[in-house]
N, C-alpha and C. Protein backbone atom coordinates (compact mmCIF):
# COMPACT_ATOMS: atom_id res chain seq x y z
N MET A 1 40.11 18.19 18.90
CA MET A 1 41.46 17.96 18.37
C MET A 1 41.78 16.48 18.50
N ASN A 2 42.45 15.97 17.51
CA ASN A 2 42.88 14.60 17.54
C ASN A 2 43.83 14.39 18.72
N ARG A 3 43.56 13.31 19.51
CA ARG A 3 44.38 13.09 20.71
C ARG A 3 45.85 12.92 20.38
N SER A 4 46.14 12.41 19.20
CA SER A 4 47.54 12.20 18.82
C SER A 4 48.28 13.51 18.58
N LEU A 5 47.49 14.59 18.36
CA LEU A 5 48.11 15.88 18.12
C LEU A 5 48.24 16.72 19.39
N GLN A 6 47.55 16.34 20.44
CA GLN A 6 47.57 17.13 21.67
C GLN A 6 48.98 17.34 22.25
N PRO A 7 49.83 16.30 22.33
CA PRO A 7 51.20 16.54 22.86
C PRO A 7 51.96 17.56 22.03
N ILE A 8 51.77 17.51 20.69
CA ILE A 8 52.47 18.46 19.82
C ILE A 8 51.99 19.88 20.10
N ALA A 9 50.68 20.06 20.29
CA ALA A 9 50.11 21.37 20.56
C ALA A 9 50.63 21.93 21.87
N ARG A 10 50.69 21.04 22.88
CA ARG A 10 51.20 21.51 24.18
C ARG A 10 52.66 21.94 24.07
N THR A 11 53.42 21.20 23.28
CA THR A 11 54.83 21.54 23.09
C THR A 11 54.98 22.90 22.41
N ILE A 12 54.15 23.13 21.38
CA ILE A 12 54.20 24.41 20.66
C ILE A 12 53.82 25.56 21.59
N ALA A 13 52.79 25.36 22.43
CA ALA A 13 52.36 26.40 23.37
C ALA A 13 53.46 26.71 24.37
N LEU A 14 54.14 25.65 24.85
CA LEU A 14 55.22 25.84 25.82
C LEU A 14 56.37 26.63 25.19
N ILE A 15 56.72 26.28 23.95
CA ILE A 15 57.79 27.01 23.26
C ILE A 15 57.40 28.48 23.08
N GLY A 16 56.13 28.75 22.73
CA GLY A 16 55.66 30.14 22.57
C GLY A 16 55.76 30.90 23.86
N SER A 17 55.38 30.27 24.97
CA SER A 17 55.46 30.94 26.28
C SER A 17 56.90 31.27 26.62
N LEU A 18 57.81 30.32 26.37
CA LEU A 18 59.21 30.56 26.67
C LEU A 18 59.77 31.71 25.82
N LEU A 19 59.38 31.75 24.52
CA LEU A 19 59.84 32.83 23.66
C LEU A 19 59.32 34.18 24.13
N THR A 20 58.05 34.21 24.58
CA THR A 20 57.46 35.46 25.08
C THR A 20 58.17 35.95 26.33
N LEU A 21 58.43 35.01 27.25
CA LEU A 21 59.15 35.37 28.48
C LEU A 21 60.54 35.87 28.16
N ASN A 22 61.20 35.21 27.21
CA ASN A 22 62.56 35.62 26.85
C ASN A 22 62.56 37.01 26.22
N ALA A 23 61.55 37.31 25.38
CA ALA A 23 61.46 38.63 24.74
C ALA A 23 61.22 39.70 25.78
N CYS A 24 60.32 39.44 26.73
CA CYS A 24 60.03 40.42 27.79
C CYS A 24 61.28 40.69 28.62
N SER A 25 62.00 39.59 28.91
CA SER A 25 63.22 39.75 29.69
C SER A 25 64.24 40.59 28.93
N SER A 26 64.35 40.35 27.62
CA SER A 26 65.30 41.10 26.81
C SER A 26 64.93 42.57 26.76
N LEU A 27 63.62 42.87 26.61
CA LEU A 27 63.17 44.25 26.58
C LEU A 27 63.44 44.95 27.91
N GLN A 28 63.22 44.20 29.00
CA GLN A 28 63.47 44.77 30.32
C GLN A 28 64.95 45.07 30.50
N ASP A 29 65.80 44.11 30.06
CA ASP A 29 67.25 44.33 30.15
C ASP A 29 67.66 45.53 29.32
N LEU A 30 67.05 45.64 28.10
CA LEU A 30 67.38 46.76 27.22
C LEU A 30 66.96 48.08 27.84
N SER A 31 65.76 48.08 28.46
CA SER A 31 65.28 49.30 29.11
C SER A 31 66.20 49.72 30.24
N GLN A 32 66.64 48.72 31.03
CA GLN A 32 67.55 49.02 32.13
C GLN A 32 68.88 49.54 31.62
N MET A 33 69.35 48.93 30.52
CA MET A 33 70.61 49.37 29.94
C MET A 33 70.51 50.79 29.43
N MET A 34 69.38 51.11 28.76
CA MET A 34 69.21 52.45 28.24
C MET A 34 69.12 53.47 29.37
N GLY A 35 68.46 53.05 30.46
CA GLY A 35 68.32 53.96 31.59
C GLY A 35 69.65 54.25 32.27
N SER A 36 70.60 53.34 32.12
CA SER A 36 71.89 53.52 32.79
C SER A 36 72.90 54.29 31.94
N VAL A 37 72.54 54.55 30.67
CA VAL A 37 73.46 55.26 29.80
C VAL A 37 73.49 56.74 30.18
N THR A 38 74.67 57.28 30.36
CA THR A 38 74.82 58.69 30.70
C THR A 38 74.62 59.54 29.45
N PRO A 39 73.67 60.50 29.47
CA PRO A 39 73.44 61.34 28.29
C PRO A 39 74.72 62.08 27.89
N VAL A 40 74.92 62.18 26.60
CA VAL A 40 76.09 62.90 26.09
C VAL A 40 75.82 64.40 26.18
N ALA A 41 76.72 65.15 26.82
CA ALA A 41 76.53 66.59 26.99
C ALA A 41 76.66 67.30 25.64
N THR A 42 75.83 68.33 25.46
CA THR A 42 75.92 69.13 24.25
C THR A 42 77.19 69.95 24.29
N PRO A 43 78.01 69.87 23.24
CA PRO A 43 79.28 70.63 23.25
C PRO A 43 79.02 72.12 23.41
N ALA A 44 79.87 72.78 24.19
CA ALA A 44 79.75 74.23 24.37
C ALA A 44 80.08 74.94 23.07
N VAL A 45 79.43 76.08 22.86
CA VAL A 45 79.71 76.88 21.68
C VAL A 45 81.12 77.44 21.79
N LYS A 46 81.86 77.34 20.71
CA LYS A 46 83.25 77.76 20.72
C LYS A 46 83.35 79.27 20.89
N GLU A 47 84.37 79.72 21.61
CA GLU A 47 84.56 81.16 21.79
C GLU A 47 85.01 81.80 20.49
N ILE A 48 84.62 83.05 20.32
CA ILE A 48 84.93 83.82 19.12
C ILE A 48 86.00 84.84 19.47
N VAL A 49 87.07 84.84 18.71
CA VAL A 49 88.16 85.78 18.93
C VAL A 49 87.87 87.05 18.15
N LEU A 50 87.59 88.15 18.85
CA LEU A 50 87.27 89.41 18.21
C LEU A 50 88.49 90.32 18.05
N ILE A 51 89.49 90.13 18.88
CA ILE A 51 90.77 90.81 18.71
C ILE A 51 91.84 89.74 18.58
N ASN A 52 92.44 89.66 17.39
CA ASN A 52 93.38 88.58 17.11
C ASN A 52 94.81 89.06 16.89
N GLY A 53 95.04 90.38 17.00
CA GLY A 53 96.38 90.91 16.81
C GLY A 53 96.83 90.99 15.37
N LYS A 54 95.93 90.63 14.42
CA LYS A 54 96.29 90.61 13.00
C LYS A 54 95.48 91.56 12.15
N ASP A 55 94.21 91.72 12.49
CA ASP A 55 93.34 92.59 11.68
C ASP A 55 92.17 93.06 12.54
N LEU A 56 91.38 93.96 11.94
CA LEU A 56 90.18 94.48 12.62
C LEU A 56 88.93 94.11 11.84
N ASN A 57 88.95 92.93 11.21
CA ASN A 57 87.85 92.52 10.34
C ASN A 57 86.53 92.33 11.08
N ALA A 58 86.59 92.07 12.40
CA ALA A 58 85.37 91.83 13.17
C ALA A 58 84.66 93.13 13.57
N TRP A 59 85.30 94.28 13.26
CA TRP A 59 84.83 95.56 13.80
C TRP A 59 84.54 96.59 12.71
N LYS A 60 83.70 97.56 13.07
CA LYS A 60 83.46 98.74 12.25
C LYS A 60 83.70 99.98 13.11
N PRO A 61 84.32 101.03 12.56
CA PRO A 61 84.51 102.26 13.34
C PRO A 61 83.26 103.13 13.32
N VAL A 62 83.00 103.79 14.43
CA VAL A 62 81.93 104.78 14.55
C VAL A 62 82.56 106.01 15.21
N GLY A 63 82.43 107.18 14.62
CA GLY A 63 83.07 108.37 15.15
C GLY A 63 84.45 108.56 14.53
N ASN A 64 85.26 109.41 15.16
CA ASN A 64 86.55 109.76 14.57
C ASN A 64 87.75 109.38 15.44
N ALA A 65 87.59 108.47 16.38
CA ALA A 65 88.74 108.01 17.16
C ALA A 65 89.74 107.32 16.23
N ASN A 66 91.03 107.46 16.51
CA ASN A 66 92.03 106.89 15.61
C ASN A 66 92.37 105.44 15.96
N TRP A 67 91.32 104.62 16.08
CA TRP A 67 91.54 103.20 16.34
C TRP A 67 92.40 102.59 15.23
N ARG A 68 93.35 101.77 15.63
CA ARG A 68 94.21 101.10 14.66
C ARG A 68 94.86 99.90 15.33
N LEU A 69 95.46 99.08 14.49
CA LEU A 69 96.22 97.93 14.98
C LEU A 69 97.70 98.29 14.96
N GLN A 70 98.34 98.25 16.13
CA GLN A 70 99.74 98.63 16.24
C GLN A 70 100.46 97.65 17.16
N ASP A 71 101.47 96.99 16.59
CA ASP A 71 102.24 95.99 17.35
C ASP A 71 101.32 94.93 17.96
N GLY A 72 100.29 94.55 17.24
CA GLY A 72 99.37 93.53 17.70
C GLY A 72 98.30 94.01 18.66
N LEU A 73 98.34 95.31 19.01
CA LEU A 73 97.37 95.88 19.95
C LEU A 73 96.38 96.76 19.20
N VAL A 74 95.14 96.76 19.67
CA VAL A 74 94.13 97.68 19.14
C VAL A 74 94.14 98.90 20.06
N GLN A 75 94.45 100.08 19.51
CA GLN A 75 94.60 101.23 20.39
C GLN A 75 94.15 102.52 19.74
N ALA A 76 93.92 103.53 20.62
CA ALA A 76 93.55 104.88 20.18
C ALA A 76 94.00 105.86 21.24
N GLU A 77 94.32 107.09 20.78
CA GLU A 77 94.66 108.16 21.72
C GLU A 77 94.22 109.53 21.20
N LEU A 78 93.43 109.54 20.13
CA LEU A 78 92.92 110.80 19.59
C LEU A 78 91.48 110.62 19.11
N GLY A 79 90.73 111.73 19.12
CA GLY A 79 89.37 111.70 18.61
C GLY A 79 88.35 111.25 19.64
N ASP A 80 87.22 110.77 19.14
CA ASP A 80 86.12 110.36 20.01
C ASP A 80 85.26 109.38 19.23
N GLY A 81 85.20 108.14 19.66
CA GLY A 81 84.40 107.19 18.89
C GLY A 81 84.52 105.77 19.41
N PHE A 82 84.07 104.84 18.56
CA PHE A 82 83.93 103.45 18.97
C PHE A 82 84.44 102.52 17.88
N LEU A 83 84.75 101.31 18.30
CA LEU A 83 84.79 100.16 17.42
C LEU A 83 83.60 99.30 17.80
N ILE A 84 82.78 98.89 16.82
CA ILE A 84 81.58 98.11 17.10
C ILE A 84 81.61 96.83 16.28
N THR A 85 81.22 95.71 16.88
CA THR A 85 81.28 94.43 16.19
C THR A 85 80.27 94.38 15.06
N ARG A 86 80.63 93.61 14.03
CA ARG A 86 79.71 93.40 12.91
C ARG A 86 78.60 92.43 13.29
N ASP A 87 78.86 91.57 14.27
CA ASP A 87 77.88 90.59 14.72
C ASP A 87 77.22 91.05 16.02
N SER A 88 76.06 90.47 16.30
CA SER A 88 75.33 90.77 17.53
C SER A 88 75.39 89.59 18.49
N PHE A 89 75.29 89.91 19.79
CA PHE A 89 75.37 88.89 20.83
C PHE A 89 74.33 89.21 21.90
N LYS A 90 73.72 88.16 22.44
CA LYS A 90 72.73 88.36 23.50
C LYS A 90 73.25 87.83 24.84
N ASP A 91 73.36 86.53 24.95
CA ASP A 91 73.89 85.90 26.16
C ASP A 91 75.31 85.42 25.85
N PHE A 92 76.26 85.76 26.72
CA PHE A 92 77.65 85.47 26.39
C PHE A 92 78.55 85.59 27.61
N HIS A 93 79.75 85.07 27.43
CA HIS A 93 80.84 85.28 28.39
C HIS A 93 81.95 85.98 27.61
N LEU A 94 82.35 87.14 28.08
CA LEU A 94 83.33 87.97 27.37
C LEU A 94 84.55 88.18 28.26
N VAL A 95 85.72 88.09 27.66
CA VAL A 95 86.97 88.39 28.37
C VAL A 95 87.74 89.42 27.55
N ALA A 96 88.06 90.55 28.16
CA ALA A 96 88.80 91.61 27.49
C ALA A 96 90.02 91.99 28.33
N GLU A 97 91.17 92.06 27.68
CA GLU A 97 92.39 92.53 28.34
C GLU A 97 92.71 93.92 27.78
N PHE A 98 92.88 94.89 28.66
CA PHE A 98 93.06 96.27 28.21
C PHE A 98 94.10 96.99 29.08
N TRP A 99 94.64 98.06 28.48
CA TRP A 99 95.56 98.95 29.19
C TRP A 99 95.09 100.38 28.95
N VAL A 100 94.99 101.16 30.01
CA VAL A 100 94.62 102.58 29.89
C VAL A 100 95.55 103.40 30.76
N ASP A 101 95.72 104.67 30.39
CA ASP A 101 96.47 105.56 31.28
C ASP A 101 95.51 106.15 32.31
N ASP A 102 96.04 106.95 33.21
CA ASP A 102 95.23 107.46 34.32
C ASP A 102 94.08 108.36 33.86
N GLU A 103 94.24 109.02 32.71
CA GLU A 103 93.24 109.98 32.25
C GLU A 103 92.17 109.35 31.34
N ALA A 104 92.33 108.09 31.02
CA ALA A 104 91.49 107.47 29.99
C ALA A 104 90.01 107.41 30.38
N ASN A 105 89.20 107.56 29.35
CA ASN A 105 87.75 107.33 29.46
C ASN A 105 87.39 106.34 28.37
N SER A 106 87.05 105.13 28.78
CA SER A 106 86.74 104.06 27.84
C SER A 106 85.64 103.19 28.44
N GLY A 107 85.34 102.11 27.78
CA GLY A 107 84.34 101.20 28.30
C GLY A 107 84.03 100.11 27.29
N VAL A 108 83.41 99.04 27.77
CA VAL A 108 82.93 97.95 26.92
C VAL A 108 81.41 98.03 26.93
N PHE A 109 80.82 98.33 25.77
CA PHE A 109 79.37 98.43 25.64
C PHE A 109 78.84 97.13 25.03
N TYR A 110 77.67 96.69 25.48
CA TYR A 110 77.10 95.46 24.94
C TYR A 110 75.58 95.55 24.87
N ARG A 111 75.03 94.66 24.03
CA ARG A 111 73.60 94.72 23.68
C ARG A 111 73.22 96.11 23.18
N CYS A 112 74.04 96.65 22.30
CA CYS A 112 73.78 97.98 21.74
C CYS A 112 72.49 97.94 20.91
N THR A 113 71.59 98.87 21.18
CA THR A 113 70.34 98.93 20.43
C THR A 113 70.40 99.89 19.26
N ASP A 114 71.45 100.71 19.20
CA ASP A 114 71.65 101.67 18.12
C ASP A 114 73.12 101.64 17.74
N ALA A 115 73.41 101.16 16.54
CA ALA A 115 74.81 100.98 16.13
C ALA A 115 75.49 102.29 15.75
N VAL A 116 74.77 103.39 15.75
CA VAL A 116 75.34 104.69 15.41
C VAL A 116 75.44 105.58 16.65
N ASN A 117 74.37 105.64 17.40
CA ASN A 117 74.34 106.45 18.63
C ASN A 117 74.55 105.52 19.83
N ILE A 118 75.81 105.34 20.17
CA ILE A 118 76.19 104.40 21.23
C ILE A 118 76.45 105.17 22.51
N ASN A 119 75.67 104.88 23.55
CA ASN A 119 75.87 105.53 24.84
C ASN A 119 75.24 104.65 25.91
N ASP A 120 75.31 105.12 27.17
CA ASP A 120 74.81 104.29 28.26
C ASP A 120 73.28 104.21 28.33
N LYS A 121 72.60 104.91 27.42
CA LYS A 121 71.14 104.82 27.35
C LYS A 121 70.69 103.84 26.26
N THR A 122 71.57 103.61 25.29
CA THR A 122 71.23 102.70 24.20
C THR A 122 71.96 101.36 24.31
N ALA A 123 72.69 101.17 25.40
CA ALA A 123 73.43 99.93 25.62
C ALA A 123 73.83 99.85 27.09
N TYR A 124 74.31 98.68 27.49
CA TYR A 124 74.95 98.55 28.80
C TYR A 124 76.43 98.92 28.64
N GLU A 125 76.96 99.68 29.60
CA GLU A 125 78.36 100.08 29.55
C GLU A 125 79.10 99.59 30.79
N ALA A 126 80.04 98.65 30.56
CA ALA A 126 80.97 98.27 31.61
C ALA A 126 82.08 99.32 31.60
N ASN A 127 82.09 100.19 32.58
CA ASN A 127 82.89 101.40 32.49
C ASN A 127 84.37 101.17 32.78
N ILE A 128 85.19 101.99 32.08
CA ILE A 128 86.63 102.09 32.35
C ILE A 128 86.93 103.58 32.41
N TYR A 129 86.87 104.14 33.61
CA TYR A 129 87.01 105.61 33.74
C TYR A 129 87.40 105.90 35.19
N ASP A 130 88.69 105.82 35.47
CA ASP A 130 89.17 105.96 36.84
C ASP A 130 88.87 107.33 37.44
N LYS A 131 88.90 108.37 36.60
CA LYS A 131 88.72 109.74 37.11
C LYS A 131 87.37 110.33 36.71
N ARG A 132 86.36 109.51 36.65
CA ARG A 132 85.02 110.02 36.34
C ARG A 132 84.63 111.08 37.38
N PRO A 133 84.17 112.27 36.92
CA PRO A 133 83.83 113.33 37.87
C PRO A 133 82.85 112.89 38.96
N ASP A 134 81.84 112.11 38.56
CA ASP A 134 80.96 111.48 39.54
C ASP A 134 81.39 110.03 39.63
N PRO A 135 82.13 109.64 40.66
CA PRO A 135 82.71 108.31 40.72
C PRO A 135 81.70 107.18 40.95
N SER A 136 80.42 107.53 41.16
CA SER A 136 79.42 106.50 41.47
C SER A 136 79.42 105.37 40.44
N TYR A 137 79.55 105.75 39.18
CA TYR A 137 79.54 104.75 38.12
C TYR A 137 80.88 104.74 37.38
N GLY A 138 81.95 104.81 38.12
CA GLY A 138 83.28 104.78 37.53
C GLY A 138 83.69 103.38 37.12
N THR A 139 84.99 103.16 37.06
CA THR A 139 85.53 101.87 36.63
C THR A 139 84.94 100.72 37.46
N GLY A 140 84.48 99.69 36.75
CA GLY A 140 83.91 98.52 37.42
C GLY A 140 82.40 98.54 37.53
N ALA A 141 81.76 99.65 37.17
CA ALA A 141 80.31 99.77 37.27
C ALA A 141 79.65 99.58 35.89
N ILE A 142 78.35 99.30 35.89
CA ILE A 142 77.53 99.37 34.68
C ILE A 142 76.81 100.71 34.77
N VAL A 143 77.20 101.63 33.91
CA VAL A 143 76.77 103.03 34.04
C VAL A 143 75.25 103.14 34.04
N GLY A 144 74.73 103.82 35.07
CA GLY A 144 73.30 104.05 35.19
C GLY A 144 72.49 102.86 35.64
N ILE A 145 73.14 101.70 35.80
CA ILE A 145 72.43 100.47 36.16
C ILE A 145 72.89 99.92 37.51
N ALA A 146 74.18 99.76 37.67
CA ALA A 146 74.70 99.15 38.90
C ALA A 146 76.06 99.74 39.26
N LYS A 147 76.15 100.29 40.46
CA LYS A 147 77.43 100.80 40.95
C LYS A 147 78.34 99.64 41.32
N SER A 148 79.63 99.92 41.34
CA SER A 148 80.58 98.88 41.73
C SER A 148 80.36 98.50 43.19
N GLN A 149 80.40 97.20 43.45
CA GLN A 149 80.29 96.71 44.83
C GLN A 149 81.54 97.03 45.63
N ILE A 150 82.61 97.33 44.95
CA ILE A 150 83.88 97.63 45.63
C ILE A 150 84.08 99.14 45.64
N GLN A 151 84.12 99.70 46.82
CA GLN A 151 84.30 101.15 46.99
C GLN A 151 85.51 101.42 47.88
N PRO A 152 86.36 102.38 47.53
CA PRO A 152 86.30 103.15 46.28
C PRO A 152 86.52 102.26 45.07
N ASN A 153 86.11 102.75 43.91
CA ASN A 153 86.20 101.96 42.68
C ASN A 153 87.65 101.52 42.43
N LEU A 154 87.78 100.34 41.84
CA LEU A 154 89.10 99.86 41.46
C LEU A 154 89.72 100.79 40.41
N LYS A 155 91.02 100.91 40.43
CA LYS A 155 91.75 101.73 39.46
C LYS A 155 92.49 100.83 38.48
N THR A 156 92.48 101.25 37.22
CA THR A 156 93.13 100.43 36.19
C THR A 156 94.22 101.19 35.43
N GLY A 157 94.44 102.46 35.74
CA GLY A 157 95.41 103.26 35.01
C GLY A 157 96.83 102.75 35.14
N GLY A 158 97.53 102.67 34.00
CA GLY A 158 98.94 102.32 34.01
C GLY A 158 99.25 100.85 34.18
N ARG A 159 98.28 99.96 33.95
CA ARG A 159 98.52 98.53 34.10
C ARG A 159 97.61 97.76 33.16
N TRP A 160 97.99 96.54 32.85
CA TRP A 160 97.10 95.67 32.10
C TRP A 160 96.03 95.11 33.04
N SER A 161 94.80 95.16 32.58
CA SER A 161 93.67 94.70 33.38
C SER A 161 92.80 93.75 32.55
N THR A 162 91.97 93.00 33.25
CA THR A 162 91.08 92.05 32.59
C THR A 162 89.65 92.25 33.07
N TYR A 163 88.76 92.45 32.10
CA TYR A 163 87.32 92.45 32.37
C TYR A 163 86.78 91.08 32.00
N ASP A 164 86.05 90.46 32.92
CA ASP A 164 85.38 89.18 32.70
C ASP A 164 83.90 89.45 32.88
N ILE A 165 83.15 89.44 31.77
CA ILE A 165 81.75 89.86 31.78
C ILE A 165 80.87 88.69 31.35
N THR A 166 79.87 88.36 32.17
CA THR A 166 78.93 87.30 31.83
C THR A 166 77.52 87.87 31.81
N VAL A 167 76.81 87.62 30.71
CA VAL A 167 75.45 88.13 30.53
C VAL A 167 74.55 86.96 30.16
N LYS A 168 73.53 86.71 30.96
CA LYS A 168 72.59 85.61 30.72
C LYS A 168 71.20 86.08 31.06
N GLY A 169 70.37 86.36 30.04
CA GLY A 169 69.05 86.91 30.30
C GLY A 169 69.18 88.27 30.95
N SER A 170 68.56 88.43 32.12
CA SER A 170 68.64 89.70 32.84
C SER A 170 69.80 89.74 33.84
N HIS A 171 70.52 88.63 33.95
CA HIS A 171 71.59 88.52 34.96
C HIS A 171 72.93 88.93 34.35
N MET A 172 73.63 89.84 35.02
CA MET A 172 74.92 90.31 34.54
C MET A 172 75.93 90.33 35.68
N THR A 173 77.13 89.84 35.41
CA THR A 173 78.22 89.93 36.39
C THR A 173 79.45 90.53 35.71
N LEU A 174 80.12 91.41 36.43
CA LEU A 174 81.38 92.00 36.00
C LEU A 174 82.45 91.61 37.01
N VAL A 175 83.52 91.03 36.51
CA VAL A 175 84.67 90.70 37.34
C VAL A 175 85.86 91.45 36.77
N LEU A 176 86.46 92.32 37.57
CA LEU A 176 87.57 93.14 37.13
C LEU A 176 88.82 92.74 37.91
N ASN A 177 89.81 92.27 37.18
CA ASN A 177 91.06 91.81 37.80
C ASN A 177 90.80 90.85 38.95
N GLY A 178 89.87 89.91 38.69
CA GLY A 178 89.59 88.85 39.65
C GLY A 178 88.63 89.21 40.76
N GLN A 179 88.14 90.45 40.80
CA GLN A 179 87.21 90.87 41.85
C GLN A 179 85.84 91.19 41.25
N THR A 180 84.80 90.63 41.82
CA THR A 180 83.44 90.87 41.34
C THR A 180 83.02 92.28 41.73
N THR A 181 82.77 93.10 40.73
CA THR A 181 82.35 94.48 40.99
C THR A 181 80.85 94.66 40.82
N VAL A 182 80.23 93.84 39.98
CA VAL A 182 78.77 93.92 39.76
C VAL A 182 78.20 92.52 39.65
N ASP A 183 77.09 92.29 40.33
CA ASP A 183 76.30 91.07 40.18
C ASP A 183 74.85 91.51 40.31
N THR A 184 74.19 91.68 39.17
CA THR A 184 72.88 92.34 39.20
C THR A 184 71.95 91.77 38.13
N HIS A 185 70.68 92.16 38.22
CA HIS A 185 69.68 91.84 37.21
C HIS A 185 69.10 93.13 36.66
N ASP A 186 68.87 93.16 35.36
CA ASP A 186 68.25 94.34 34.74
C ASP A 186 67.64 93.92 33.41
N THR A 187 66.51 94.54 33.07
CA THR A 187 65.80 94.16 31.84
C THR A 187 65.71 95.32 30.84
N THR A 188 66.55 96.33 31.00
CA THR A 188 66.48 97.49 30.10
C THR A 188 66.74 97.08 28.65
N HIS A 189 67.79 96.30 28.43
CA HIS A 189 68.16 95.87 27.08
C HIS A 189 68.21 94.34 27.06
N MET A 190 67.19 93.72 26.49
CA MET A 190 67.09 92.26 26.53
C MET A 190 67.35 91.60 25.18
N ASP A 191 67.44 92.40 24.12
CA ASP A 191 67.67 91.83 22.79
C ASP A 191 69.16 91.74 22.48
N ALA A 192 69.49 90.89 21.52
CA ALA A 192 70.87 90.81 21.06
C ALA A 192 71.30 92.11 20.42
N GLY A 193 72.56 92.44 20.55
CA GLY A 193 73.10 93.65 19.95
C GLY A 193 74.61 93.56 19.85
N PRO A 194 75.22 94.46 19.08
CA PRO A 194 76.67 94.45 18.95
C PRO A 194 77.39 94.79 20.26
N ILE A 195 78.67 94.52 20.28
CA ILE A 195 79.58 94.92 21.36
C ILE A 195 80.41 96.08 20.82
N ALA A 196 80.67 97.08 21.66
CA ALA A 196 81.44 98.25 21.21
C ALA A 196 82.51 98.61 22.24
N LEU A 197 83.64 99.05 21.72
CA LEU A 197 84.74 99.56 22.55
C LEU A 197 84.80 101.07 22.40
N GLN A 198 84.89 101.77 23.50
CA GLN A 198 84.85 103.23 23.48
C GLN A 198 86.24 103.85 23.58
N TYR A 199 86.44 104.92 22.82
CA TYR A 199 87.56 105.81 23.08
C TYR A 199 87.01 107.22 23.22
N ASN A 200 87.31 107.86 24.38
CA ASN A 200 86.89 109.24 24.60
C ASN A 200 88.08 110.15 24.91
N LYS A 201 89.00 109.64 25.74
CA LYS A 201 90.21 110.42 26.00
C LYS A 201 91.27 109.55 26.64
N GLY A 202 92.51 110.12 26.73
CA GLY A 202 93.62 109.37 27.28
C GLY A 202 94.22 108.42 26.25
N VAL A 203 94.81 107.35 26.73
CA VAL A 203 95.36 106.30 25.88
C VAL A 203 94.66 105.00 26.23
N VAL A 204 94.14 104.31 25.21
CA VAL A 204 93.38 103.07 25.41
C VAL A 204 93.94 101.99 24.49
N LYS A 205 94.23 100.82 25.06
CA LYS A 205 94.75 99.70 24.27
C LYS A 205 94.01 98.42 24.68
N PHE A 206 93.69 97.60 23.70
CA PHE A 206 93.15 96.27 23.94
C PHE A 206 94.07 95.26 23.26
N ARG A 207 94.43 94.19 23.98
CA ARG A 207 95.27 93.16 23.36
C ARG A 207 94.54 91.83 23.21
N LYS A 208 93.36 91.71 23.82
CA LYS A 208 92.59 90.48 23.71
C LYS A 208 91.11 90.79 23.94
N LEU A 209 90.26 90.17 23.14
CA LEU A 209 88.83 90.20 23.42
C LEU A 209 88.21 88.97 22.80
N THR A 210 87.67 88.10 23.64
CA THR A 210 86.98 86.90 23.17
C THR A 210 85.56 86.92 23.73
N VAL A 211 84.64 86.31 22.98
CA VAL A 211 83.27 86.19 23.45
C VAL A 211 82.77 84.78 23.15
N GLN A 212 82.17 84.17 24.13
CA GLN A 212 81.61 82.83 23.98
C GLN A 212 80.10 82.91 24.16
N PRO A 213 79.33 82.72 23.10
CA PRO A 213 77.87 82.73 23.24
C PRO A 213 77.40 81.65 24.21
N LEU A 214 76.39 81.98 24.99
CA LEU A 214 75.85 81.02 25.97
C LEU A 214 74.45 80.56 25.54
């Protein structure tokens, strides 16, 4: 190389080194900045209102119970049958507010595997039956799966009550009027299925039912 060009070459090399160092520093700063950013949480799925006090569009009747909307309440006191959702749910958090008389036999069924033949063998049943002849699986229990942890079983006749039901995989919890009655695991029904409300006898009313998919 011509000696007169050597100073210029050294200057160019020095500038290149400085640019490289500056780029590395910028990348490192960027990496550190990215590492410090808090990930944005995925928004929770919005809850679905299945009883809205206006219509029964979310439901289909099965059987001959006289389910109807009266004064904003979904109720029945004659016949034998169900209201079953048009949609299916697998993992969810459900809140139901209901009123029954002392003689009532009702329940909230979920993960129904048969939309016509609904019973405790084809679905899970969160029972509402204060005077069940065999009280083992009375109010607060999942019939045939888990007895209520609270004995004697809680009574719901003649008052407004709230069922808070959470289902995630095989894990199920039932909270009745603020008290946990069931916390169990079971794999009998693992697929998504409709939710059903039972009327068998007495007077049964629901004023709220929401479900939030998980």
